[in-house]
Amino acid sequence: MSGPSLIVDLLRHGEPCGGPRYRGQTDDPLTGRGWLQMYRALHGDCPWDALVSSPLSRCRAFAERLAARHRLPLLLAPGLTEIDFGRWEGLTAATLMQHEAAALGRFWRDPVRHTPHGGETLGDFTARTIDAWQALLAAPPGRHLLLVTHGGTIRVLLHHILGIPLLKLHQVEVPYACRSRLHVSRVDGVPSARLVAHGAQP
């Protein structure tokens, strides 16, 4: 088998300010610990030709600093932001259990059919994430990209690449600063990606 025509490393942002909550598109910055988590995930490596980042600050700030330090081009990709939780943005599960327990239960059981009030459907989130991914695959062959993004975005990409059902995405662990690697090859001009590492140094 020939080698990959494109290598894409995925890096989830580190711990953000505000603690665990339905953050989605709420633009919280990283904590000091979050910055450290991301630097440790790289192990001092910088093999990339370019960086791609969600424009939200918990991804963008780290990507901007890394790009400046190593003089790498950086593309901000709005299509790779986290899902929008609508009225639940910024709220904890404990708060929602007090005020919207039934809606939260429906969402946990079937997020495909039950969307937070005013939020983005999982179908729409999946579609825009895959559209943004397809645009990245237009990168010239032989390149190595680092994609700095969100847990939900990474899960949707793994759904698309590995065929994981959307209802099973919550079973895929993507902790803070999780680093994964995808190899993208082309067969008769059609890109085909495979996961070669997840949650560890590629």
C-alpha atoms as a PDB file:
ATOM      1  CA  MET A   1       0.000   0.000   0.000  1.00  0.00           C
ATOM      2  CA  SER A   2       1.325   3.443  -0.858  1.00  0.00           C
ATOM      3  CA  GLY A   3       1.872   5.992   1.899  1.00  0.00           C
ATOM      4  CA  PRO A   4      -0.648   8.651   2.843  1.00  0.00           C
ATOM      5  CA  SER A   5      -1.051  11.653   0.566  1.00  0.00           C
ATOM      6  CA  LEU A   6      -1.995  13.799   3.580  1.00  0.00           C
ATOM      7  CA  ILE A   7      -1.444  13.437   7.335  1.00  0.00           C
ATOM      8  CA  VAL A   8      -3.811  15.247   9.689  1.00  0.00           C
ATOM      9  CA  ASP A   9      -3.169  15.403  13.419  1.00  0.00           C
ATOM     10  CA  LEU A  10      -6.202  16.267  15.547  1.00  0.00           C
ATOM     11  CA  LEU A  11      -5.697  18.095  18.837  1.00  0.00           C
ATOM     12  CA  ARG A  12      -8.530  18.912  21.204  1.00  0.00           C
ATOM     13  CA  HIS A  13      -8.164  22.104  23.212  1.00  0.00           C
ATOM     14  CA  GLY A  14      -7.071  21.914  26.833  1.00  0.00           C
ATOM     15  CA  GLU A  15      -9.077  22.739  29.941  1.00  0.00           C
ATOM     16  CA  PRO A  16     -11.071  25.986  29.528  1.00  0.00           C
ATOM     17  CA  CYS A  17     -12.071  28.484  32.182  1.00  0.00           C
ATOM     18  CA  GLY A  18     -15.480  27.979  33.752  1.00  0.00           C
ATOM     19  CA  GLY A  19     -15.326  24.295  34.623  1.00  0.00           C
ATOM     20  CA  PRO A  20     -17.405  21.464  33.113  1.00  0.00           C
ATOM     21  CA  ARG A  21     -20.535  22.818  31.426  1.00  0.00           C
ATOM     22  CA  TYR A  22     -22.346  22.921  28.091  1.00  0.00           C
ATOM     23  CA  ARG A  23     -19.815  25.274  26.572  1.00  0.00           C
ATOM     24  CA  GLY A  24     -20.412  24.768  22.856  1.00  0.00           C
ATOM     25  CA  GLN A  25     -19.765  28.126  21.206  1.00  0.00           C
ATOM     26  CA  THR A  26     -19.310  30.034  24.464  1.00  0.00           C
ATOM     27  CA  ASP A  27     -15.890  31.601  23.966  1.00  0.00           C
ATOM     28  CA  ASP A  28     -14.064  30.693  27.183  1.00  0.00           C
ATOM     29  CA  PRO A  29     -10.253  30.972  27.160  1.00  0.00           C
ATOM     30  CA  LEU A  30      -7.908  28.250  28.352  1.00  0.00           C
ATOM     31  CA  THR A  31      -6.828  27.951  31.956  1.00  0.00           C
ATOM     32  CA  GLY A  32      -3.114  27.827  32.728  1.00  0.00           C
ATOM     33  CA  ARG A  33      -3.521  24.080  33.130  1.00  0.00           C
ATOM     34  CA  GLY A  34      -5.184  23.945  29.702  1.00  0.00           C
ATOM     35  CA  TRP A  35      -2.189  25.603  28.058  1.00  0.00           C
ATOM     36  CA  LEU A  36       0.147  23.139  29.777  1.00  0.00           C
ATOM     37  CA  GLN A  37      -1.985  20.158  28.694  1.00  0.00           C
ATOM     38  CA  MET A  38      -1.732  21.197  25.048  1.00  0.00           C
ATOM     39  CA  TYR A  39       2.022  21.782  25.112  1.00  0.00           C
ATOM     40  CA  ARG A  40       2.539  18.435  26.802  1.00  0.00           C
ATOM     41  CA  ALA A  41       0.417  16.720  24.153  1.00  0.00           C
ATOM     42  CA  LEU A  42       2.841  17.904  21.470  1.00  0.00           C
ATOM     43  CA  HIS A  43       5.907  16.489  23.243  1.00  0.00           C
ATOM     44  CA  GLY A  44       7.989  19.279  21.701  1.00  0.00           C
ATOM     45  CA  ASP A  45       7.110  18.147  18.187  1.00  0.00           C
ATOM     46  CA  CYS A  46       6.403  20.478  15.297  1.00  0.00           C
ATOM     47  CA  PRO A  47       6.370  18.378  12.094  1.00  0.00           C
ATOM     48  CA  TRP A  48       3.517  20.298  10.476  1.00  0.00           C
ATOM     49  CA  ASP A  49       3.404  22.300   7.282  1.00  0.00           C
ATOM     50  CA  ALA A  50       0.370  24.330   8.396  1.00  0.00           C
ATOM     51  CA  LEU A  51      -2.145  24.702  11.222  1.00  0.00           C
ATOM     52  CA  VAL A  52      -5.936  24.778  11.049  1.00  0.00           C
ATOM     53  CA  SER A  53      -7.981  25.935  14.023  1.00  0.00           C
ATOM     54  CA  SER A  54     -11.466  26.592  15.246  1.00  0.00           C
ATOM     55  CA  PRO A  55     -11.806  30.364  15.697  1.00  0.00           C
ATOM     56  CA  LEU A  56     -12.936  29.984  19.325  1.00  0.00           C
ATOM     57  CA  SER A  57     -10.267  31.248  21.711  1.00  0.00           C
ATOM     58  CA  ARG A  58      -9.733  27.958  23.559  1.00  0.00           C
ATOM     59  CA  CYS A  59      -8.362  26.609  20.257  1.00  0.00           C
ATOM     60  CA  ARG A  60      -7.284  29.731  18.386  1.00  0.00           C
ATOM     61  CA  ALA A  61      -5.021  31.277  21.037  1.00  0.00           C
ATOM     62  CA  PHE A  62      -2.843  28.175  21.251  1.00  0.00           C
ATOM     63  CA  ALA A  63      -2.772  27.730  17.467  1.00  0.00           C
ATOM     64  CA  GLU A  64      -1.788  31.369  16.960  1.00  0.00           C
ATOM     65  CA  ARG A  65       1.071  31.098  19.434  1.00  0.00           C
ATOM     66  CA  LEU A  66       2.309  27.823  17.921  1.00  0.00           C
ATOM     67  CA  ALA A  67       2.090  29.210  14.378  1.00  0.00           C
ATOM     68  CA  ALA A  68       3.991  32.367  15.336  1.00  0.00           C
ATOM     69  CA  ARG A  69       6.708  30.428  17.156  1.00  0.00           C
ATOM     70  CA  HIS A  70       7.367  28.111  14.208  1.00  0.00           C
ATOM     71  CA  ARG A  71       6.446  30.530  11.392  1.00  0.00           C
ATOM     72  CA  LEU A  72       3.692  28.314  10.064  1.00  0.00           C
ATOM     73  CA  PRO A  73       0.589  29.394   8.137  1.00  0.00           C
ATOM     74  CA  LEU A  74      -2.635  29.292  10.150  1.00  0.00           C
ATOM     75  CA  LEU A  75      -6.148  28.908   8.742  1.00  0.00           C
ATOM     76  CA  LEU A  76      -9.179  29.651  10.948  1.00  0.00           C
ATOM     77  CA  ALA A  77     -12.049  27.348   9.990  1.00  0.00           C
ATOM     78  CA  PRO A  78     -15.470  28.445  11.324  1.00  0.00           C
ATOM     79  CA  GLY A  79     -16.985  25.145  10.161  1.00  0.00           C
ATOM     80  CA  LEU A  80     -14.918  23.332  12.797  1.00  0.00           C
ATOM     81  CA  THR A  81     -16.354  25.101  15.853  1.00  0.00           C
ATOM     82  CA  GLU A  82     -18.161  23.101  18.521  1.00  0.00           C
ATOM     83  CA  ILE A  83     -21.911  22.463  18.341  1.00  0.00           C
ATOM     84  CA  ASP A  84     -24.151  25.334  19.501  1.00  0.00           C
ATOM     85  CA  PHE A  85     -26.141  24.322  22.610  1.00  0.00           C
ATOM     86  CA  GLY A  86     -28.584  27.218  22.321  1.00  0.00           C
ATOM     87  CA  ARG A  87     -30.285  28.048  25.623  1.00  0.00           C
ATOM     88  CA  TRP A  88     -28.054  25.548  27.422  1.00  0.00           C
ATOM     89  CA  GLU A  89     -24.853  27.439  26.571  1.00  0.00           C
ATOM     90  CA  GLY A  90     -22.801  28.027  29.706  1.00  0.00           C
ATOM     91  CA  LEU A  91     -25.008  25.880  31.959  1.00  0.00           C
ATOM     92  CA  THR A  92     -23.934  22.817  33.917  1.00  0.00           C
ATOM     93  CA  ALA A  93     -25.705  19.480  33.808  1.00  0.00           C
ATOM     94  CA  ALA A  94     -26.564  19.951  37.499  1.00  0.00           C
ATOM     95  CA  THR A  95     -28.338  23.231  36.732  1.00  0.00           C
ATOM     96  CA  LEU A  96     -30.236  21.677  33.844  1.00  0.00           C
ATOM     97  CA  MET A  97     -31.290  18.757  36.037  1.00  0.00           C
ATOM     98  CA  GLN A  98     -32.991  21.276  38.302  1.00  0.00           C
ATOM     99  CA  HIS A  99     -34.800  23.226  35.590  1.00  0.00           C
ATOM    100  CA  GLU A 100     -34.960  21.099  32.422  1.00  0.00           C
ATOM    101  CA  ALA A 101     -34.504  17.534  33.615  1.00  0.00           C
ATOM    102  CA  ALA A 102     -36.927  16.000  31.104  1.00  0.00           C
ATOM    103  CA  ALA A 103     -35.374  17.780  28.125  1.00  0.00           C
ATOM    104  CA  LEU A 104     -31.877  16.870  29.302  1.00  0.00           C
ATOM    105  CA  GLY A 105     -32.873  13.213  29.640  1.00  0.00           C
ATOM    106  CA  ARG A 106     -34.267  13.160  26.114  1.00  0.00           C
ATOM    107  CA  PHE A 107     -31.092  14.753  24.800  1.00  0.00           C
ATOM    108  CA  TRP A 108     -28.889  12.211  26.568  1.00  0.00           C
ATOM    109  CA  ARG A 109     -30.953   9.291  25.219  1.00  0.00           C
ATOM    110  CA  ASP A 110     -31.236  10.532  21.636  1.00  0.00           C
ATOM    111  CA  PRO A 111     -29.323  13.715  20.708  1.00  0.00           C
ATOM    112  CA  VAL A 112     -30.157  13.164  17.037  1.00  0.00           C
ATOM    113  CA  ARG A 113     -33.870  13.836  17.572  1.00  0.00           C
ATOM    114  CA  HIS A 114     -33.767  16.047  20.665  1.00  0.00           C
ATOM    115  CA  THR A 115     -31.971  19.391  20.365  1.00  0.00           C
ATOM    116  CA  PRO A 116     -31.539  21.961  23.160  1.00  0.00           C
ATOM    117  CA  HIS A 117     -33.928  24.883  22.729  1.00  0.00           C
ATOM    118  CA  GLY A 118     -32.442  27.302  20.204  1.00  0.00           C
ATOM    119  CA  GLY A 119     -29.462  25.032  19.608  1.00  0.00           C
ATOM    120  CA  GLU A 120     -27.934  23.430  16.540  1.00  0.00           C
ATOM    121  CA  THR A 121     -29.232  20.015  15.549  1.00  0.00           C
ATOM    122  CA  LEU A 122     -26.733  17.186  15.594  1.00  0.00           C
ATOM    123  CA  GLY A 123     -27.498  16.629  11.909  1.00  0.00           C
ATOM    124  CA  ASP A 124     -26.636  20.235  11.016  1.00  0.00           C
ATOM    125  CA  PHE A 125     -23.491  20.126  13.162  1.00  0.00           C
ATOM    126  CA  THR A 126     -22.407  16.907  11.466  1.00  0.00           C
ATOM    127  CA  ALA A 127     -23.031  18.313   7.993  1.00  0.00           C
ATOM    128  CA  ARG A 128     -21.030  21.504   8.518  1.00  0.00           C
ATOM    129  CA  THR A 129     -18.173  19.604  10.175  1.00  0.00           C
ATOM    130  CA  ILE A 130     -17.922  17.170   7.273  1.00  0.00           C
ATOM    131  CA  ASP A 131     -18.129  20.036   4.765  1.00  0.00           C
ATOM    132  CA  ALA A 132     -15.185  21.730   6.495  1.00  0.00           C
ATOM    133  CA  TRP A 133     -13.277  18.436   6.537  1.00  0.00           C
ATOM    134  CA  GLN A 134     -13.850  17.904   2.814  1.00  0.00           C
ATOM    135  CA  ALA A 135     -12.462  21.386   2.164  1.00  0.00           C
ATOM    136  CA  LEU A 136      -9.286  20.478   4.079  1.00  0.00           C
ATOM    137  CA  LEU A 137      -8.787  17.414   1.906  1.00  0.00           C
ATOM    138  CA  ALA A 138      -8.065  19.754  -0.976  1.00  0.00           C
ATOM    139  CA  ALA A 139      -4.651  20.379   0.625  1.00  0.00           C
ATOM    140  CA  PRO A 140      -1.755  19.475  -1.687  1.00  0.00           C
ATOM    141  CA  PRO A 141      -0.516  15.857  -1.396  1.00  0.00           C
ATOM    142  CA  GLY A 142       2.349  15.142   0.944  1.00  0.00           C
ATOM    143  CA  ARG A 143       1.378  17.765   3.506  1.00  0.00           C
ATOM    144  CA  HIS A 144       1.078  17.369   7.267  1.00  0.00           C
ATOM    145  CA  LEU A 145      -1.570  19.450   9.039  1.00  0.00           C
ATOM    146  CA  LEU A 146      -2.414  20.051  12.687  1.00  0.00           C
ATOM    147  CA  LEU A 147      -6.112  20.632  13.333  1.00  0.00           C
ATOM    148  CA  VAL A 148      -6.847  22.288  16.706  1.00  0.00           C
ATOM    149  CA  THR A 149     -10.504  21.814  17.503  1.00  0.00           C
ATOM    150  CA  HIS A 150     -13.171  20.520  19.901  1.00  0.00           C
ATOM    151  CA  GLY A 151     -14.259  17.203  21.362  1.00  0.00           C
ATOM    152  CA  GLY A 152     -17.579  17.187  19.505  1.00  0.00           C
ATOM    153  CA  THR A 153     -15.892  18.034  16.226  1.00  0.00           C
ATOM    154  CA  ILE A 154     -13.386  15.203  16.622  1.00  0.00           C
ATOM    155  CA  ARG A 155     -16.150  12.736  17.449  1.00  0.00           C
ATOM    156  CA  VAL A 156     -18.077  13.733  14.320  1.00  0.00           C
ATOM    157  CA  LEU A 157     -14.956  13.293  12.185  1.00  0.00           C
ATOM    158  CA  LEU A 158     -14.495   9.807  13.637  1.00  0.00           C
ATOM    159  CA  HIS A 159     -18.175   9.106  12.916  1.00  0.00           C
ATOM    160  CA  HIS A 160     -17.593  10.113   9.311  1.00  0.00           C
ATOM    161  CA  ILE A 161     -14.336   8.204   8.868  1.00  0.00           C
ATOM    162  CA  LEU A 162     -15.029   5.058  10.903  1.00  0.00           C
ATOM    163  CA  GLY A 163     -18.802   4.798  10.503  1.00  0.00           C
ATOM    164  CA  ILE A 164     -19.511   5.160  14.231  1.00  0.00           C
ATOM    165  CA  PRO A 165     -23.278   5.710  14.697  1.00  0.00           C
ATOM    166  CA  LEU A 166     -24.165   9.218  15.871  1.00  0.00           C
ATOM    167  CA  LEU A 167     -25.975   7.770  18.879  1.00  0.00           C
ATOM    168  CA  LYS A 168     -22.716   6.110  19.977  1.00  0.00           C
ATOM    169  CA  LEU A 169     -20.521   9.215  19.780  1.00  0.00           C
ATOM    170  CA  HIS A 170     -20.690   9.803  23.542  1.00  0.00           C
ATOM    171  CA  GLN A 171     -18.875   6.470  23.977  1.00  0.00           C
ATOM    172  CA  VAL A 172     -15.777   7.837  22.198  1.00  0.00           C
ATOM    173  CA  GLU A 173     -13.404   9.327  24.767  1.00  0.00           C
ATOM    174  CA  VAL A 174     -11.817  12.614  23.678  1.00  0.00           C
ATOM    175  CA  PRO A 175     -10.257  14.150  26.813  1.00  0.00           C
ATOM    176  CA  TYR A 176      -8.697  17.591  26.966  1.00  0.00           C
ATOM    177  CA  ALA A 177      -5.603  17.875  24.749  1.00  0.00           C
ATOM    178  CA  CYS A 178      -6.323  14.481  23.180  1.00  0.00           C
ATOM    179  CA  ARG A 179      -4.096  13.998  20.121  1.00  0.00           C
ATOM    180  CA  SER A 180      -4.973  11.708  17.233  1.00  0.00           C
ATOM    181  CA  ARG A 181      -3.675  11.073  13.730  1.00  0.00           C
ATOM    182  CA  LEU A 182      -5.383  10.433  10.420  1.00  0.00           C
ATOM    183  CA  HIS A 183      -3.779   9.236   7.212  1.00  0.00           C
ATOM    184  CA  VAL A 184      -5.561  10.293   4.050  1.00  0.00           C
ATOM    185  CA  SER A 185      -4.844   8.423   0.823  1.00  0.00           C
ATOM    186  CA  ARG A 186      -6.387   8.799  -2.602  1.00  0.00           C
ATOM    187  CA  VAL A 187      -7.780   5.931  -4.621  1.00  0.00           C
ATOM    188  CA  ASP A 188      -8.676   6.955  -8.170  1.00  0.00           C
ATOM    189  CA  GLY A 189      -8.648  10.541  -6.959  1.00  0.00           C
ATOM    190  CA  VAL A 190     -11.117   9.917  -4.121  1.00  0.00           C
ATOM    191  CA  PRO A 191      -9.758  10.659  -0.599  1.00  0.00           C
ATOM    192  CA  SER A 192     -10.015   7.902   1.985  1.00  0.00           C
ATOM    193  CA  ALA A 193      -9.010   8.508   5.617  1.00  0.00           C
ATOM    194  CA  ARG A 194      -8.040   6.030   8.313  1.00  0.00           C
ATOM    195  CA  LEU A 195      -7.324   6.477  12.007  1.00  0.00           C
ATOM    196  CA  VAL A 196      -3.789   5.434  12.920  1.00  0.00           C
ATOM    197  CA  ALA A 197      -3.574   6.763  16.497  1.00  0.00           C
ATOM    198  CA  HIS A 198      -6.011   8.131  19.063  1.00  0.00           C
ATOM    199  CA  GLY A 199      -5.411   9.632  22.473  1.00  0.00           C
ATOM    200  CA  ALA A 200      -1.662   9.043  22.441  1.00  0.00           C
ATOM    201  CA  GLN A 201       1.541  10.167  20.793  1.00  0.00           C
ATOM    202  CA  PRO A 202       1.246   9.181  17.072  1.00  0.00           C
END
